[in-house]
Amino acid sequence: QVQLVESGGGLVQAGGSLRLSCTASGSIFNINTMGWYRQAPGKQRELVAQISSGAYTNYADPVKGRFTISRDSAKNTVYLQMNSLKPEDTAVYYCNVGKLGEIRVYWGQGTQVTVSS
């Protein structure tokens, strides 16, 4: 089992910045991809950004150029730096981890990000 603890959400004005963090603990060997998803009210959960163990990154089109994902493998932590935030970025943001050799993925409890106009 992998436990994920997220932090860094909050309320920010449009144009502002936030940094999300997610730290993994428990059965943390063979962690491969780490990423962030978000879910706005009435919408499906969607990918925001992912980073592989080899530091390859993938971003959703709406956040390209504004968000940056990074990871500190020694700390088993993934970060999401969010700049130039827009009201449409308002959502609950979930950390996601995948492990080599496992189909199952692990989810954090979610952290609320609210961007006011």
C-alpha atoms as a PDB file:
ATOM      1  CA  GLN A   1       0.000   0.000   0.000  1.00  0.00           C
ATOM      2  CA  VAL A   2       1.055   3.543  -0.775  1.00  0.00           C
ATOM      3  CA  GLN A   3      -0.221   6.478   1.219  1.00  0.00           C
ATOM      4  CA  LEU A   4      -0.259   9.919  -0.377  1.00  0.00           C
ATOM      5  CA  VAL A   5      -0.528  13.180   1.516  1.00  0.00           C
ATOM      6  CA  GLU A   6      -1.153  16.368  -0.423  1.00  0.00           C
ATOM      7  CA  SER A   7      -0.734  19.958   0.674  1.00  0.00           C
ATOM      8  CA  GLY A   8      -0.596  23.443  -0.746  1.00  0.00           C
ATOM      9  CA  GLY A   9      -4.118  24.091  -1.953  1.00  0.00           C
ATOM     10  CA  GLY A  10      -6.034  27.227  -1.104  1.00  0.00           C
ATOM     11  CA  LEU A  11      -7.725  30.362  -2.353  1.00  0.00           C
ATOM     12  CA  VAL A  12      -5.899  32.657  -4.751  1.00  0.00           C
ATOM     13  CA  GLN A  13      -6.830  35.489  -7.068  1.00  0.00           C
ATOM     14  CA  ALA A  14      -6.661  35.073 -10.819  1.00  0.00           C
ATOM     15  CA  GLY A  15      -3.108  35.531 -12.021  1.00  0.00           C
ATOM     16  CA  GLY A  16      -1.673  34.239  -8.778  1.00  0.00           C
ATOM     17  CA  SER A  17       0.371  31.161  -8.009  1.00  0.00           C
ATOM     18  CA  LEU A  18       0.184  28.086  -5.824  1.00  0.00           C
ATOM     19  CA  ARG A  19       2.475  25.131  -5.268  1.00  0.00           C
ATOM     20  CA  LEU A  20       1.051  21.723  -4.505  1.00  0.00           C
ATOM     21  CA  SER A  21       3.060  18.964  -2.864  1.00  0.00           C
ATOM     22  CA  CYS A  22       2.363  15.252  -2.518  1.00  0.00           C
ATOM     23  CA  THR A  23       4.497  12.891  -0.464  1.00  0.00           C
ATOM     24  CA  ALA A  24       4.298   9.129  -0.742  1.00  0.00           C
ATOM     25  CA  SER A  25       4.898   6.736   2.129  1.00  0.00           C
ATOM     26  CA  GLY A  26       4.409   3.051   2.855  1.00  0.00           C
ATOM     27  CA  SER A  27       5.265   0.610   0.068  1.00  0.00           C
ATOM     28  CA  ILE A  28       7.188   3.143  -1.987  1.00  0.00           C
ATOM     29  CA  PHE A  29       9.575   0.871  -3.878  1.00  0.00           C
ATOM     30  CA  ASN A  30       9.166   0.737  -7.658  1.00  0.00           C
ATOM     31  CA  ILE A  31       7.216   3.997  -7.860  1.00  0.00           C
ATOM     32  CA  ASN A  32       7.123   4.934 -11.540  1.00  0.00           C
ATOM     33  CA  THR A  33       4.781   7.702 -12.615  1.00  0.00           C
ATOM     34  CA  MET A  34       3.634  10.474 -10.320  1.00  0.00           C
ATOM     35  CA  GLY A  35       1.053  12.981 -11.347  1.00  0.00           C
ATOM     36  CA  TRP A  36      -1.776  15.333 -10.669  1.00  0.00           C
ATOM     37  CA  TYR A  37      -5.398  15.137 -11.717  1.00  0.00           C
ATOM     38  CA  ARG A  38      -8.218  17.545 -10.996  1.00  0.00           C
ATOM     39  CA  GLN A  39     -11.967  17.412 -10.745  1.00  0.00           C
ATOM     40  CA  ALA A  40     -14.203  20.443 -10.962  1.00  0.00           C
ATOM     41  CA  PRO A  41     -17.829  20.350  -9.758  1.00  0.00           C
ATOM     42  CA  GLY A  42     -20.020  18.473 -12.221  1.00  0.00           C
ATOM     43  CA  LYS A  43     -17.065  17.399 -14.340  1.00  0.00           C
ATOM     44  CA  GLN A  44     -15.015  14.249 -14.728  1.00  0.00           C
ATOM     45  CA  ARG A  45     -11.597  13.898 -13.195  1.00  0.00           C
ATOM     46  CA  GLU A  46      -8.939  14.887 -15.716  1.00  0.00           C
ATOM     47  CA  LEU A  47      -5.203  14.648 -16.043  1.00  0.00           C
ATOM     48  CA  VAL A  48      -3.260  17.820 -15.280  1.00  0.00           C
ATOM     49  CA  ALA A  49       0.356  16.645 -15.481  1.00  0.00           C
ATOM     50  CA  GLN A  50       2.487  13.529 -15.079  1.00  0.00           C
ATOM     51  CA  ILE A  51       6.161  12.843 -14.562  1.00  0.00           C
ATOM     52  CA  SER A  52       7.910   9.511 -14.984  1.00  0.00           C
ATOM     53  CA  SER A  53      10.776   8.089 -12.983  1.00  0.00           C
ATOM     54  CA  GLY A  54      12.980   9.222 -15.845  1.00  0.00           C
ATOM     55  CA  ALA A  55      11.644  12.777 -15.509  1.00  0.00           C
ATOM     56  CA  TYR A  56       9.639  12.714 -18.710  1.00  0.00           C
ATOM     57  CA  THR A  57       6.681  15.054 -18.364  1.00  0.00           C
ATOM     58  CA  ASN A  58       3.232  15.262 -19.888  1.00  0.00           C
ATOM     59  CA  TYR A  59       0.815  18.167 -19.534  1.00  0.00           C
ATOM     60  CA  ALA A  60      -2.813  18.733 -20.379  1.00  0.00           C
ATOM     61  CA  ASP A  61      -3.218  21.417 -23.037  1.00  0.00           C
ATOM     62  CA  PRO A  62      -5.067  23.903 -20.763  1.00  0.00           C
ATOM     63  CA  VAL A  63      -2.117  24.103 -18.345  1.00  0.00           C
ATOM     64  CA  LYS A  64       0.841  24.012 -20.727  1.00  0.00           C
ATOM     65  CA  GLY A  65       3.120  26.970 -20.180  1.00  0.00           C
ATOM     66  CA  ARG A  66       1.545  27.793 -16.813  1.00  0.00           C
ATOM     67  CA  PHE A  67       2.044  24.677 -14.671  1.00  0.00           C
ATOM     68  CA  THR A  68       5.268  22.817 -13.976  1.00  0.00           C
ATOM     69  CA  ILE A  69       5.485  19.336 -12.495  1.00  0.00           C
ATOM     70  CA  SER A  70       8.637  18.126 -10.750  1.00  0.00           C
ATOM     71  CA  ARG A  71       9.641  15.380  -8.377  1.00  0.00           C
ATOM     72  CA  ASP A  72      12.189  14.713  -5.673  1.00  0.00           C
ATOM     73  CA  SER A  73      12.645  10.961  -5.762  1.00  0.00           C
ATOM     74  CA  ALA A  74      14.766  10.971  -2.620  1.00  0.00           C
ATOM     75  CA  LYS A  75      11.805  12.468  -0.738  1.00  0.00           C
ATOM     76  CA  ASN A  76       9.175  10.523  -2.696  1.00  0.00           C
ATOM     77  CA  THR A  77       7.501  13.837  -3.363  1.00  0.00           C
ATOM     78  CA  VAL A  78       5.914  15.337  -6.451  1.00  0.00           C
ATOM     79  CA  TYR A  79       5.234  19.042  -6.858  1.00  0.00           C
ATOM     80  CA  LEU A  80       2.952  21.083  -9.063  1.00  0.00           C
ATOM     81  CA  GLN A  81       3.878  24.719  -9.490  1.00  0.00           C
ATOM     82  CA  MET A  82       0.849  26.563 -10.786  1.00  0.00           C
ATOM     83  CA  ASN A  83       1.322  30.060 -12.182  1.00  0.00           C
ATOM     84  CA  SER A  84      -1.028  32.473 -13.944  1.00  0.00           C
ATOM     85  CA  LEU A  85      -3.975  30.736 -12.365  1.00  0.00           C
ATOM     86  CA  LYS A  86      -7.405  31.182 -13.914  1.00  0.00           C
ATOM     87  CA  PRO A  87     -10.890  30.728 -12.421  1.00  0.00           C
ATOM     88  CA  GLU A  88     -11.306  27.657 -14.625  1.00  0.00           C
ATOM     89  CA  ASP A  89      -8.433  26.020 -12.733  1.00  0.00           C
ATOM     90  CA  THR A  90     -10.716  25.810  -9.700  1.00  0.00           C
ATOM     91  CA  ALA A  91     -11.034  22.159  -8.742  1.00  0.00           C
ATOM     92  CA  VAL A  92     -10.031  19.508  -6.260  1.00  0.00           C
ATOM     93  CA  TYR A  93      -6.533  18.401  -7.181  1.00  0.00           C
ATOM     94  CA  TYR A  94      -5.560  14.769  -6.607  1.00  0.00           C
ATOM     95  CA  CYS A  95      -2.115  13.244  -6.470  1.00  0.00           C
ATOM     96  CA  ASN A  96      -1.695   9.964  -8.359  1.00  0.00           C
ATOM     97  CA  VAL A  97       1.073   7.370  -8.233  1.00  0.00           C
ATOM     98  CA  GLY A  98       1.714   4.285 -10.325  1.00  0.00           C
ATOM     99  CA  LYS A  99       4.174   1.507  -9.603  1.00  0.00           C
ATOM    100  CA  LEU A 100       6.114  -0.756 -11.920  1.00  0.00           C
ATOM    101  CA  GLY A 101       4.471  -4.145 -12.221  1.00  0.00           C
ATOM    102  CA  GLU A 102       1.172  -3.015 -10.718  1.00  0.00           C
ATOM    103  CA  ILE A 103      -2.043  -2.193 -12.524  1.00  0.00           C
ATOM    104  CA  ARG A 104      -3.442  -0.410  -9.507  1.00  0.00           C
ATOM    105  CA  VAL A 105      -2.826   3.296  -9.080  1.00  0.00           C
ATOM    106  CA  TYR A 106      -2.898   5.161  -5.816  1.00  0.00           C
ATOM    107  CA  TRP A 107      -4.736   8.386  -5.072  1.00  0.00           C
ATOM    108  CA  GLY A 108      -4.387  11.096  -2.483  1.00  0.00           C
ATOM    109  CA  GLN A 109      -7.326  12.555  -0.610  1.00  0.00           C
ATOM    110  CA  GLY A 110      -7.400  15.704  -2.724  1.00  0.00           C
ATOM    111  CA  THR A 111      -6.703  19.351  -2.036  1.00  0.00           C
ATOM    112  CA  GLN A 112      -8.998  22.208  -2.993  1.00  0.00           C
ATOM    113  CA  VAL A 113      -7.737  24.951  -5.280  1.00  0.00           C
ATOM    114  CA  THR A 114     -10.027  27.939  -5.717  1.00  0.00           C
ATOM    115  CA  VAL A 115      -9.187  30.786  -8.075  1.00  0.00           C
ATOM    116  CA  SER A 116     -11.282  33.913  -7.724  1.00  0.00           C
ATOM    117  CA  SER A 117     -11.842  36.340 -10.580  1.00  0.00           C
END
